[in-house]
PDB file of N, CA and C in Angstrom:
ATOM      1  N   MET A   1     115.847  32.643  61.559  1.00  0.00           N
ATOM      2  CA  MET A   1     115.742  33.356  60.382  1.00  0.00           C
ATOM      3  C   MET A   1     117.175  33.617  60.025  1.00  0.00           C
ATOM      4  N   THR A   2     117.636  33.310  58.753  1.00  0.00           N
ATOM      5  CA  THR A   2     119.191  33.741  58.451  1.00  0.00           C
ATOM      6  C   THR A   2     118.990  35.132  58.071  1.00  0.00           C
ATOM      7  N   GLN A   3     120.267  35.673  57.961  1.00  0.00           N
ATOM      8  CA  GLN A   3     120.444  37.187  57.746  1.00  0.00           C
ATOM      9  C   GLN A   3     119.999  37.484  56.283  1.00  0.00           C
ATOM     10  N   ARG A   4     120.265  36.596  55.429  1.00  0.00           N
ATOM     11  CA  ARG A   4     119.793  36.701  53.975  1.00  0.00           C
ATOM     12  C   ARG A   4     118.263  36.820  53.826  1.00  0.00           C
ATOM     13  N   LYS A   5     117.622  35.966  54.716  1.00  0.00           N
ATOM     14  CA  LYS A   5     115.982  36.043  54.586  1.00  0.00           C
ATOM     15  C   LYS A   5     115.715  37.401  55.325  1.00  0.00           C
ATOM     16  N   ARG A   6     116.278  37.692  56.508  1.00  0.00           N
ATOM     17  CA  ARG A   6     115.915  38.889  57.070  1.00  0.00           C
ATOM     18  C   ARG A   6     116.033  40.187  56.069  1.00  0.00           C
ATOM     19  N   LYS A   7     117.172  40.148  55.445  1.00  0.00           N
ATOM     20  CA  LYS A   7     117.428  41.270  54.464  1.00  0.00           C
ATOM     21  C   LYS A   7     116.289  41.483  53.412  1.00  0.00           C
ATOM     22  N   LEU A   8     115.822  40.231  52.937  1.00  0.00           N
ATOM     23  CA  LEU A   8     114.741  40.149  51.884  1.00  0.00           C
ATOM     24  C   LEU A   8     113.445  40.722  52.596  1.00  0.00           C
ATOM     25  N   VAL A   9     113.087  40.154  53.612  1.00  0.00           N
ATOM     26  CA  VAL A   9     111.951  40.549  54.464  1.00  0.00           C
ATOM     27  C   VAL A   9     111.869  42.011  54.729  1.00  0.00           C
ATOM     28  N   GLY A  10     113.119  42.364  55.278  1.00  0.00           N
ATOM     29  CA  GLY A  10     113.278  43.884  55.786  1.00  0.00           C
ATOM     30  C   GLY A  10     113.281  44.854  54.573  1.00  0.00           C
ATOM     31  N   THR A  11     113.864  44.549  53.386  1.00  0.00           N
ATOM     32  CA  THR A  11     113.737  45.354  52.192  1.00  0.00           C
ATOM     33  C   THR A  11     112.300  45.528  51.830  1.00  0.00           C
ATOM     34  N   LEU A  12     111.585  44.455  51.771  1.00  0.00           N
ATOM     35  CA  LEU A  12     110.068  44.576  51.340  1.00  0.00           C
ATOM     36  C   LEU A  12     109.321  45.231  52.382  1.00  0.00           C
ATOM     37  N   ALA A  13     109.570  44.887  53.616  1.00  0.00           N
ATOM     38  CA  ALA A  13     108.871  45.806  54.734  1.00  0.00           C
ATOM     39  C   ALA A  13     109.149  47.299  54.655  1.00  0.00           C
ATOM     40  N   LEU A  14     110.409  47.515  54.380  1.00  0.00           N
ATOM     41  CA  LEU A  14     110.826  48.936  54.374  1.00  0.00           C
ATOM     42  C   LEU A  14     110.219  49.722  53.145  1.00  0.00           C
ATOM     43  N   LEU A  15     110.045  49.085  52.010  1.00  0.00           N
ATOM     44  CA  LEU A  15     109.488  49.729  50.900  1.00  0.00           C
ATOM     45  C   LEU A  15     107.954  49.826  51.074  1.00  0.00           C
ATOM     46  N   LEU A  16     107.369  48.830  51.661  1.00  0.00           N
ATOM     47  CA  LEU A  16     105.941  49.024  52.122  1.00  0.00           C
ATOM     48  C   LEU A  16     105.897  50.058  53.252  1.00  0.00           C
ATOM     49  N   MET A  17     106.486  50.086  54.248  1.00  0.00           N
ATOM     50  CA  MET A  17     106.481  51.104  55.286  1.00  0.00           C
ATOM     51  C   MET A  17     106.545  52.688  54.707  1.00  0.00           C
ATOM     52  N   ILE A  18     107.584  52.731  53.824  1.00  0.00           N
ATOM     53  CA  ILE A  18     107.769  54.065  53.303  1.00  0.00           C
ATOM     54  C   ILE A  18     106.594  54.610  52.409  1.00  0.00           C
ATOM     55  N   ALA A  19     106.102  53.585  51.754  1.00  0.00           N
ATOM     56  CA  ALA A  19     104.815  53.925  50.975  1.00  0.00           C
ATOM     57  C   ALA A  19     103.642  54.409  51.773  1.00  0.00           C
ATOM     58  N   VAL A  20     103.423  53.537  52.762  1.00  0.00           N
ATOM     59  CA  VAL A  20     102.193  53.619  53.660  1.00  0.00           C
ATOM     60  C   VAL A  20     102.621  55.007  54.449  1.00  0.00           C
ATOM     61  N   TYR A  21     103.643  55.208  54.905  1.00  0.00           N
ATOM     62  CA  TYR A  21     104.001  56.438  55.574  1.00  0.00           C
ATOM     63  C   TYR A  21     103.862  57.560  54.842  1.00  0.00           C
ATOM     64  N   ALA A  22     104.182  57.608  53.597  1.00  0.00           N
ATOM     65  CA  ALA A  22     104.040  58.864  52.762  1.00  0.00           C
ATOM     66  C   ALA A  22     102.529  59.256  52.469  1.00  0.00           C
ATOM     67  N   VAL A  23     101.843  58.175  52.391  1.00  0.00           N
ATOM     68  CA  VAL A  23     100.326  58.313  52.237  1.00  0.00           C
ATOM     69  C   VAL A  23      99.876  58.877  53.579  1.00  0.00           C
ATOM     70  N   LEU A  24     100.142  58.471  54.723  1.00  0.00           N
ATOM     71  CA  LEU A  24      99.642  58.888  55.965  1.00  0.00           C
ATOM     72  C   LEU A  24     100.160  60.366  56.237  1.00  0.00           C
ATOM     73  N   ALA A  25     101.402  60.620  55.992  1.00  0.00           N
ATOM     74  CA  ALA A  25     101.923  61.829  56.138  1.00  0.00           C
ATOM     75  C   ALA A  25     101.080  63.067  55.242  1.00  0.00           C
ATOM     76  N   VAL A  26     100.849  62.763  54.193  1.00  0.00           N
ATOM     77  CA  VAL A  26      99.983  63.645  53.153  1.00  0.00           C
ATOM     78  C   VAL A  26      98.481  63.690  53.741  1.00  0.00           C
ATOM     79  N   ALA A  27      97.958  62.592  54.187  1.00  0.00           N
ATOM     80  CA  ALA A  27      96.700  62.577  54.795  1.00  0.00           C
ATOM     81  C   ALA A  27      96.361  63.485  56.039  1.00  0.00           C
ATOM     82  N   VAL A  28      97.412  63.295  56.861  1.00  0.00           N
ATOM     83  CA  VAL A  28      97.506  64.229  58.210  1.00  0.00           C
ATOM     84  C   VAL A  28      97.681  65.664  57.884  1.00  0.00           C
ATOM     85  N   ALA A  29      98.515  66.025  56.742  1.00  0.00           N
ATOM     86  CA  ALA A  29      98.587  67.332  56.218  1.00  0.00           C
ATOM     87  C   ALA A  29      97.259  67.710  55.789  1.00  0.00           C
ATOM     88  N   ILE A  30      96.629  67.019  55.043  1.00  0.00           N
ATOM     89  CA  ILE A  30      95.369  67.389  54.531  1.00  0.00           C
ATOM     90  C   ILE A  30      94.258  67.610  55.576  1.00  0.00           C
ATOM     91  N   VAL A  31      94.080  66.741  56.555  1.00  0.00           N
ATOM     92  CA  VAL A  31      93.332  66.922  57.760  1.00  0.00           C
ATOM     93  C   VAL A  31      93.745  68.047  58.529  1.00  0.00           C
ATOM     94  N   LEU A  32      94.806  68.245  58.796  1.00  0.00           N
ATOM     95  CA  LEU A  32      95.354  69.432  59.555  1.00  0.00           C
ATOM     96  C   LEU A  32      95.281  70.865  58.863  1.00  0.00           C
ATOM     97  N   GLN A  33      95.063  70.524  57.499  1.00  0.00           N
ATOM     98  CA  GLN A  33      95.161  71.928  56.711  1.00  0.00           C
ATOM     99  C   GLN A  33      96.394  72.669  56.807  1.00  0.00           C
ATOM    100  N   VAL A  34      97.428  71.842  56.859  1.00  0.00           N
ATOM    101  CA  VAL A  34      98.751  72.664  57.078  1.00  0.00           C
ATOM    102  C   VAL A  34      98.969  73.769  55.825  1.00  0.00           C
ATOM    103  N   ARG A  35      98.556  73.524  54.734  1.00  0.00           N
ATOM    104  CA  ARG A  35      98.765  74.433  53.639  1.00  0.00           C
ATOM    105  C   ARG A  35      97.955  75.823  53.911  1.00  0.00           C
ATOM    106  N   ASN A  36      96.827  75.694  54.648  1.00  0.00           N
ATOM    107  CA  ASN A  36      96.177  77.031  54.916  1.00  0.00           C
ATOM    108  C   ASN A  36      96.654  77.846  55.988  1.00  0.00           C
ATOM    109  N   VAL A  37      97.639  77.177  56.840  1.00  0.00           N
ATOM    110  CA  VAL A  37      98.164  77.864  57.936  1.00  0.00           C
ATOM    111  C   VAL A  37      99.035  78.977  57.558  1.00  0.00           C
ATOM    112  N   SER A  38     100.290  78.558  57.153  1.00  0.00           N
ATOM    113  CA  SER A  38     101.237  79.428  56.613  1.00  0.00           C
ATOM    114  C   SER A  38     102.408  78.563  55.876  1.00  0.00           C
ATOM    115  N   THR A  39     103.242  79.391  55.124  1.00  0.00           N
ATOM    116  CA  THR A  39     104.246  78.753  54.406  1.00  0.00           C
ATOM    117  C   THR A  39     105.344  78.099  55.390  1.00  0.00           C
ATOM    118  N   VAL A  40     105.620  78.814  56.426  1.00  0.00           N
ATOM    119  CA  VAL A  40     106.545  78.269  57.414  1.00  0.00           C
ATOM    120  C   VAL A  40     106.198  77.079  58.103  1.00  0.00           C
ATOM    121  N   ALA A  41     104.833  77.169  58.515  1.00  0.00           N
ATOM    122  CA  ALA A  41     104.284  75.946  59.177  1.00  0.00           C
ATOM    123  C   ALA A  41     104.295  74.654  58.244  1.00  0.00           C
ATOM    124  N   GLU A  42     103.939  74.951  56.972  1.00  0.00           N
ATOM    125  CA  GLU A  42     103.897  73.868  55.992  1.00  0.00           C
ATOM    126  C   GLU A  42     105.298  73.238  55.728  1.00  0.00           C
ATOM    127  N   LEU A  43     106.273  74.210  55.671  1.00  0.00           N
ATOM    128  CA  LEU A  43     107.666  73.764  55.637  1.00  0.00           C
ATOM    129  C   LEU A  43     108.290  72.988  56.861  1.00  0.00           C
ATOM    130  N   VAL A  44     107.743  73.472  57.951  1.00  0.00           N
ATOM    131  CA  VAL A  44     108.166  72.689  59.141  1.00  0.00           C
ATOM    132  C   VAL A  44     107.437  71.409  59.150  1.00  0.00           C
ATOM    133  N   TYR A  45     106.276  71.232  58.983  1.00  0.00           N
ATOM    134  CA  TYR A  45     105.685  70.065  58.948  1.00  0.00           C
ATOM    135  C   TYR A  45     106.293  69.093  57.974  1.00  0.00           C
ATOM    136  N   TYR A  46     106.444  69.420  56.735  1.00  0.00           N
ATOM    137  CA  TYR A  46     106.902  68.499  55.741  1.00  0.00           C
ATOM    138  C   TYR A  46     108.514  68.087  56.178  1.00  0.00           C
ATOM    139  N   ILE A  47     109.352  69.033  56.725  1.00  0.00           N
ATOM    140  CA  ILE A  47     110.632  68.736  57.334  1.00  0.00           C
ATOM    141  C   ILE A  47     110.466  67.539  58.167  1.00  0.00           C
ATOM    142  N   VAL A  48     109.701  67.800  59.230  1.00  0.00           N
ATOM    143  CA  VAL A  48     109.400  66.865  60.352  1.00  0.00           C
ATOM    144  C   VAL A  48     109.051  65.549  59.776  1.00  0.00           C
ATOM    145  N   ALA A  49     107.952  65.603  58.961  1.00  0.00           N
ATOM    146  CA  ALA A  49     107.328  64.351  58.470  1.00  0.00           C
ATOM    147  C   ALA A  49     108.311  63.764  57.600  1.00  0.00           C
ATOM    148  N   GLY A  50     109.002  64.466  56.830  1.00  0.00           N
ATOM    149  CA  GLY A  50     110.033  63.801  55.915  1.00  0.00           C
ATOM    150  C   GLY A  50     111.198  63.188  56.665  1.00  0.00           C
ATOM    151  N   LEU A  51     111.478  63.575  57.811  1.00  0.00           N
ATOM    152  CA  LEU A  51     112.564  62.921  58.637  1.00  0.00           C
ATOM    153  C   LEU A  51     112.279  61.823  59.533  1.00  0.00           C
ATOM    154  N   LEU A  52     110.828  61.816  60.019  1.00  0.00           N
ATOM    155  CA  LEU A  52     110.234  60.889  61.017  1.00  0.00           C
ATOM    156  C   LEU A  52     110.405  59.422  60.639  1.00  0.00           C
ATOM    157  N   TRP A  53     110.349  59.017  59.400  1.00  0.00           N
ATOM    158  CA  TRP A  53     110.444  57.723  58.985  1.00  0.00           C
ATOM    159  C   TRP A  53     111.670  57.080  59.260  1.00  0.00           C
ATOM    160  N   VAL A  54     112.863  57.893  59.394  1.00  0.00           N
ATOM    161  CA  VAL A  54     114.227  57.398  59.634  1.00  0.00           C
ATOM    162  C   VAL A  54     114.239  56.674  60.792  1.00  0.00           C
ATOM    163  N   LEU A  55     113.743  56.963  61.881  1.00  0.00           N
ATOM    164  CA  LEU A  55     113.882  56.121  63.016  1.00  0.00           C
ATOM    165  C   LEU A  55     113.340  54.706  62.907  1.00  0.00           C
ATOM    166  N   PRO A  56     112.055  54.302  62.545  1.00  0.00           N
ATOM    167  CA  PRO A  56     111.865  53.001  62.290  1.00  0.00           C
ATOM    168  C   PRO A  56     112.511  52.450  61.193  1.00  0.00           C
ATOM    169  N   ALA A  57     112.818  52.977  60.121  1.00  0.00           N
ATOM    170  CA  ALA A  57     113.744  52.488  59.104  1.00  0.00           C
ATOM    171  C   ALA A  57     115.035  52.111  59.662  1.00  0.00           C
ATOM    172  N   GLY A  58     115.608  52.894  60.563  1.00  0.00           N
ATOM    173  CA  GLY A  58     117.023  52.418  61.162  1.00  0.00           C
ATOM    174  C   GLY A  58     116.919  51.233  62.072  1.00  0.00           C
ATOM    175  N   TRP A  59     115.733  51.210  62.856  1.00  0.00           N
ATOM    176  CA  TRP A  59     115.614  49.848  63.731  1.00  0.00           C
ATOM    177  C   TRP A  59     115.276  48.671  62.906  1.00  0.00           C
ATOM    178  N   LEU A  60     114.635  48.855  61.670  1.00  0.00           N
ATOM    179  CA  LEU A  60     114.511  47.765  60.702  1.00  0.00           C
ATOM    180  C   LEU A  60     115.884  47.346  60.159  1.00  0.00           C
ATOM    181  N   ILE A  61     116.688  48.251  59.697  1.00  0.00           N
ATOM    182  CA  ILE A  61     117.915  47.947  59.043  1.00  0.00           C
ATOM    183  C   ILE A  61     118.898  47.279  60.060  1.00  0.00           C
ATOM    184  N   ALA A  62     118.763  47.846  61.378  1.00  0.00           N
ATOM    185  CA  ALA A  62     119.611  47.179  62.487  1.00  0.00           C
ATOM    186  C   ALA A  62     119.270  45.726  62.586  1.00  0.00           C
ATOM    187  N   TRP A  63     117.859  45.502  62.572  1.00  0.00           N
ATOM    188  CA  TRP A  63     117.394  44.101  62.651  1.00  0.00           C
ATOM    189  C   TRP A  63     117.871  43.182  61.567  1.00  0.00           C
ATOM    190  N   MET A  64     117.890  43.784  60.254  1.00  0.00           N
ATOM    191  CA  MET A  64     118.449  43.154  59.186  1.00  0.00           C
ATOM    192  C   MET A  64     119.744  42.767  59.217  1.00  0.00           C
ATOM    193  N   GLN A  65     120.608  43.579  59.797  1.00  0.00           N
ATOM    194  CA  GLN A  65     122.077  43.445  59.823  1.00  0.00           C
ATOM    195  C   GLN A  65     122.491  42.361  60.920  1.00  0.00           C
ATOM    196  N   ARG A  66     121.594  42.063  62.020  1.00  0.00           N
ATOM    197  CA  ARG A  66     122.012  41.082  62.975  1.00  0.00           C
ATOM    198  C   ARG A  66     122.604  39.837  62.374  1.00  0.00           C
ATOM    199  N   PRO A  67     123.680  39.412  63.068  1.00  0.00           N
ATOM    200  CA  PRO A  67     124.462  38.213  62.574  1.00  0.00           C
ATOM    201  C   PRO A  67     123.381  36.954  63.001  1.00  0.00           C
ATOM    202  N   ASP A  68     123.646  35.889  62.201  1.00  0.00           N
ATOM    203  CA  ASP A  68     122.877  34.841  62.470  1.00  0.00           C
ATOM    204  C   ASP A  68     123.154  34.074  63.775  1.00  0.00           C
ATOM    205  N   ALA A  69     122.344  33.577  64.376  1.00  0.00           N
ATOM    206  CA  ALA A  69     122.400  33.102  65.712  1.00  0.00           C
ATOM    207  C   ALA A  69     123.103  31.772  65.829  1.00  0.00           C
TER     208      ALA A  69
END
């Protein structure tokens, strides 16, 4: 696969991944009832959940940037 095609596929995958991740993060927060625990727990949860998507996104971006073989 050429780098150009990887960038297209990776961009579409990244958009889909972020949308699905956001829905899952909110669903987990609802199931765990984070809002009912405390404001600090809610803040910590959303900070962690808000940053956790960066790792797979970084791996995907690194894959997209690989030079052609």
